[in-house]
Amino acid sequence: MQIAVLTFDGFNELDSFVAAGILNRMRPKGWMAHITSPSETVTSMNGVTVTRQKPLEFAAEADAVVIGSGIRTREIAADPAMLARIGLDPSRQLIAAQCSGTLLLARLGLIGALPACTDLTTKPWVIEAGVDVIDAPFVAHGNVATAGGCLASNYLAAWLIARGALVEDAAAALHYVAPVGEKQAWIDRALGVISPFLAPAPAD
């Protein structure tokens, strides 16, 4: 499973790095999450500069895509040239967006009238884009999932692992990153959130 973690200038470190870190717990099984960006380097909202592992066009060939958030997402969502570089296909890819990443999904036409999650800051913009925003940390419709809140990264990662492999694999990845003394509680909570959304998309 090759995963593109879309990471733009002004990105939120928690979204990109936490999701990538949890997903890469699956590397022994052939998984790899790649920081995927439109330029060679991108700088976070707090001034952390990283070198991309894959160009933005990798999103079109990846098995799964995570769209993180950032302080420039609204600008990116209004840039047709940038959007044209992001080729996504929910019929063959698992696609997950967090916080303002949901706005990009909306602009790409991958949400439509379906309920979605986002953060409180982005909520008015996503509603303006015609999306029904719900007060929940995570929701998925077939192969497309959205989450709201920086620390919802673990829900997105767990959902991707459970859908792409096994629930047991998701639990093992969460066990590694969860706080000592609270591991089972963290696993139970995360699996409780994502479990209603683990059925694959219906065949056409």
Protein backbone atom coordinates (compact mmCIF):
# COMPACT_ATOMS: atom_id res chain seq x y z
CA MET A 1 0.00 0.00 0.00
CA GLN A 2 1.57 3.24 -1.18
CA ILE A 3 0.09 6.34 0.46
CA ALA A 4 0.38 9.99 -0.54
CA VAL A 5 0.20 12.38 2.42
CA LEU A 6 -0.59 15.67 0.68
CA THR A 7 1.38 18.40 2.41
CA PHE A 8 1.32 22.01 1.23
CA ASP A 9 3.05 25.22 2.32
CA GLY A 10 1.56 26.33 5.63
CA PHE A 11 0.75 22.73 6.57
CA ASN A 12 -0.24 21.59 10.04
CA GLU A 13 2.51 19.32 11.35
CA LEU A 14 0.11 17.21 13.41
CA ASP A 15 -1.97 16.30 10.38
CA SER A 16 0.85 15.22 8.09
CA PHE A 17 3.36 13.77 10.53
CA VAL A 18 1.04 11.93 12.94
CA ALA A 19 -0.88 10.25 10.13
CA ALA A 20 2.33 9.34 8.27
CA GLY A 21 3.96 8.05 11.45
CA ILE A 22 1.07 5.74 12.31
CA LEU A 23 0.66 4.52 8.74
CA ASN A 24 4.36 3.73 8.49
CA ARG A 25 4.00 1.27 11.36
CA MET A 26 2.80 -0.95 8.49
CA ARG A 27 6.12 -0.81 6.62
CA PRO A 28 6.95 -4.45 7.51
CA LYS A 29 3.85 -5.38 5.48
CA GLY A 30 4.93 -3.33 2.48
CA TRP A 31 3.15 -0.07 3.26
CA MET A 32 4.80 3.33 2.88
CA ALA A 33 3.37 6.77 3.54
CA HIS A 34 5.13 9.52 1.58
CA ILE A 35 5.10 13.26 2.25
CA THR A 36 3.74 14.45 -1.09
CA SER A 37 4.03 18.11 -2.06
CA PRO A 38 3.77 20.47 -5.05
CA SER A 39 7.33 21.78 -4.54
CA GLU A 40 10.66 20.30 -3.46
CA THR A 41 10.31 21.80 0.01
CA VAL A 42 7.32 23.01 2.01
CA THR A 43 7.24 25.01 5.22
CA SER A 44 4.71 24.38 7.96
CA MET A 45 2.51 26.91 9.71
CA ASN A 46 5.11 26.99 12.49
CA GLY A 47 8.17 27.36 10.26
CA VAL A 48 9.28 23.73 9.93
CA THR A 49 10.66 23.11 6.43
CA VAL A 50 10.66 19.58 5.03
CA THR A 51 11.75 18.01 1.74
CA ARG A 52 9.03 16.15 -0.09
CA GLN A 53 9.33 12.43 -0.74
CA LYS A 54 7.01 12.45 -3.75
CA PRO A 55 5.69 15.12 -6.14
CA LEU A 56 2.03 16.11 -6.00
CA GLU A 57 1.25 14.04 -9.10
CA PHE A 58 2.01 10.89 -7.10
CA ALA A 59 -1.46 11.27 -5.59
CA ALA A 60 -2.96 9.93 -8.82
CA GLU A 61 -1.05 6.64 -8.63
CA ALA A 62 -1.09 6.06 -4.86
CA ASP A 63 -3.30 3.36 -3.35
CA ALA A 64 -4.46 5.79 -0.68
CA VAL A 65 -4.31 9.55 -0.14
CA VAL A 66 -4.35 11.62 3.03
CA ILE A 67 -5.04 15.34 2.67
CA GLY A 68 -3.80 17.28 5.66
CA SER A 69 -4.72 20.83 6.57
CA GLY A 70 -2.87 24.12 6.77
CA ILE A 71 -3.18 27.86 6.88
CA ARG A 72 -3.06 28.21 3.07
CA THR A 73 -5.68 25.60 2.18
CA ARG A 74 -8.29 28.17 1.22
CA GLU A 75 -5.82 29.71 -1.22
CA ILE A 76 -4.94 26.30 -2.65
CA ALA A 77 -8.62 25.40 -3.00
CA ALA A 78 -9.13 28.52 -5.14
CA ASP A 79 -6.23 27.67 -7.48
CA PRO A 80 -7.51 25.68 -10.51
CA ALA A 81 -3.98 24.89 -11.67
CA MET A 82 -3.08 23.37 -8.31
CA LEU A 83 -6.32 21.39 -8.12
CA ALA A 84 -5.69 20.07 -11.62
CA ARG A 85 -2.47 18.46 -10.36
CA ILE A 86 -4.35 16.41 -7.77
CA GLY A 87 -5.82 13.38 -9.52
CA LEU A 88 -7.96 11.29 -7.17
CA ASP A 89 -10.20 8.31 -7.93
CA PRO A 90 -12.36 7.03 -5.05
CA SER A 91 -13.34 3.98 -7.10
CA ARG A 92 -9.83 2.58 -6.64
CA GLN A 93 -8.26 4.70 -3.88
CA LEU A 94 -8.90 5.19 -0.19
CA ILE A 95 -9.07 8.94 0.37
CA ALA A 96 -8.96 10.66 3.75
CA ALA A 97 -9.01 14.38 4.50
CA GLN A 98 -8.49 16.19 7.77
CA CYS A 99 -9.69 19.62 8.86
CA SER A 100 -9.21 22.09 5.99
CA GLY A 101 -8.25 19.18 3.74
CA THR A 102 -12.01 18.60 3.57
CA LEU A 103 -12.28 21.88 1.67
CA LEU A 104 -9.95 20.51 -1.00
CA LEU A 105 -12.08 17.37 -1.28
CA ALA A 106 -15.14 19.57 -1.73
CA ARG A 107 -13.44 21.62 -4.46
CA LEU A 108 -12.39 18.40 -6.18
CA GLY A 109 -16.02 17.28 -6.22
CA LEU A 110 -15.51 14.24 -4.00
CA ILE A 111 -17.99 15.06 -1.23
CA GLY A 112 -21.07 16.51 -2.87
CA ALA A 113 -24.09 16.46 -0.56
CA LEU A 114 -22.64 13.85 1.80
CA PRO A 115 -22.05 14.85 5.44
CA ALA A 116 -18.41 15.59 6.24
CA CYS A 117 -16.17 16.58 9.15
CA THR A 118 -13.76 19.49 9.43
CA ASP A 119 -12.27 21.78 12.07
CA LEU A 120 -14.15 24.72 13.54
CA THR A 121 -12.06 27.35 11.73
CA THR A 122 -12.63 25.78 8.32
CA LYS A 123 -16.29 24.90 8.90
CA PRO A 124 -17.77 28.11 7.40
CA TRP A 125 -15.68 27.74 4.23
CA VAL A 126 -16.67 24.09 3.79
CA ILE A 127 -20.34 24.97 4.30
CA GLU A 128 -19.90 27.76 1.76
CA ALA A 129 -18.63 25.10 -0.67
CA GLY A 130 -21.97 23.32 -0.30
CA VAL A 131 -20.98 20.60 2.16
CA ASP A 132 -23.12 19.44 5.07
CA VAL A 133 -20.69 19.66 8.01
CA ILE A 134 -21.53 17.49 11.02
CA ASP A 135 -20.37 17.83 14.63
CA ALA A 136 -18.29 14.66 14.74
CA PRO A 137 -14.60 13.73 14.70
CA PHE A 138 -14.81 11.26 11.82
CA VAL A 139 -17.14 10.05 9.09
CA ALA A 140 -16.66 7.94 5.98
CA HIS A 141 -18.75 7.23 2.91
CA GLY A 142 -17.41 4.27 0.98
CA ASN A 143 -13.78 5.01 0.17
CA VAL A 144 -13.80 8.67 1.25
CA ALA A 145 -13.31 9.73 4.87
CA THR A 146 -13.10 13.11 6.60
CA ALA A 147 -12.03 14.06 10.11
CA GLY A 148 -12.14 17.20 12.20
CA GLY A 149 -9.52 18.32 14.73
CA CYS A 150 -5.74 17.91 14.67
CA LEU A 151 -5.76 14.95 17.02
CA ALA A 152 -8.23 13.09 14.81
CA SER A 153 -5.20 11.98 12.76
CA ASN A 154 -5.22 8.64 14.54
CA TYR A 155 -8.79 7.99 13.38
CA LEU A 156 -7.87 8.57 9.74
CA ALA A 157 -4.77 6.39 10.01
CA ALA A 158 -6.63 3.61 11.83
CA TRP A 159 -9.43 3.66 9.24
CA LEU A 160 -6.96 3.44 6.36
CA ILE A 161 -5.13 0.53 7.98
CA ALA A 162 -8.34 -1.31 8.87
CA ARG A 163 -9.69 -0.85 5.34
CA GLY A 164 -6.43 -1.65 3.58
CA ALA A 165 -5.40 -4.53 5.85
CA LEU A 166 -7.01 -5.74 9.09
CA VAL A 167 -8.62 -4.19 12.16
CA GLU A 168 -5.98 -6.05 14.15
CA ASP A 169 -3.27 -4.22 12.23
CA ALA A 170 -4.92 -0.90 13.06
CA ALA A 171 -5.06 -1.86 16.72
CA ALA A 172 -1.37 -2.81 16.70
CA ALA A 173 -0.36 0.50 15.11
CA LEU A 174 -2.42 2.44 17.63
CA HIS A 175 -0.97 0.39 20.49
CA TYR A 176 2.53 1.52 19.54
CA VAL A 177 1.73 5.24 19.58
CA ALA A 178 -0.82 5.39 22.41
CA PRO A 179 0.24 6.67 25.86
CA VAL A 180 1.54 4.09 28.32
CA GLY A 181 -1.14 3.09 30.80
CA GLU A 182 -3.88 4.20 28.40
CA LYS A 183 -3.17 2.01 25.38
CA GLN A 184 -6.27 -0.16 25.45
CA ALA A 185 -8.50 2.82 26.13
CA TRP A 186 -7.04 4.64 23.11
CA ILE A 187 -7.46 1.58 20.90
CA ASP A 188 -11.03 0.99 22.06
CA ARG A 189 -11.97 4.62 21.49
CA ALA A 190 -10.45 4.83 18.01
CA LEU A 191 -11.91 1.52 16.86
CA GLY A 192 -15.27 2.55 18.27
CA VAL A 193 -15.18 5.71 16.17
CA ILE A 194 -14.18 4.06 12.89
CA SER A 195 -15.95 0.69 13.16
CA PRO A 196 -19.28 1.87 11.70
CA PHE A 197 -17.42 2.97 8.57
CA LEU A 198 -15.32 -0.06 7.69
CA ALA A 199 -17.53 -1.60 5.02
CA PRO A 200 -16.02 -1.17 1.55
CA ALA A 201 -17.71 0.95 -1.09
CA PRO A 202 -20.48 -0.92 -2.97
CA ALA A 203 -19.52 -2.25 -6.38
CA ASP A 204 -20.86 -0.38 -9.42
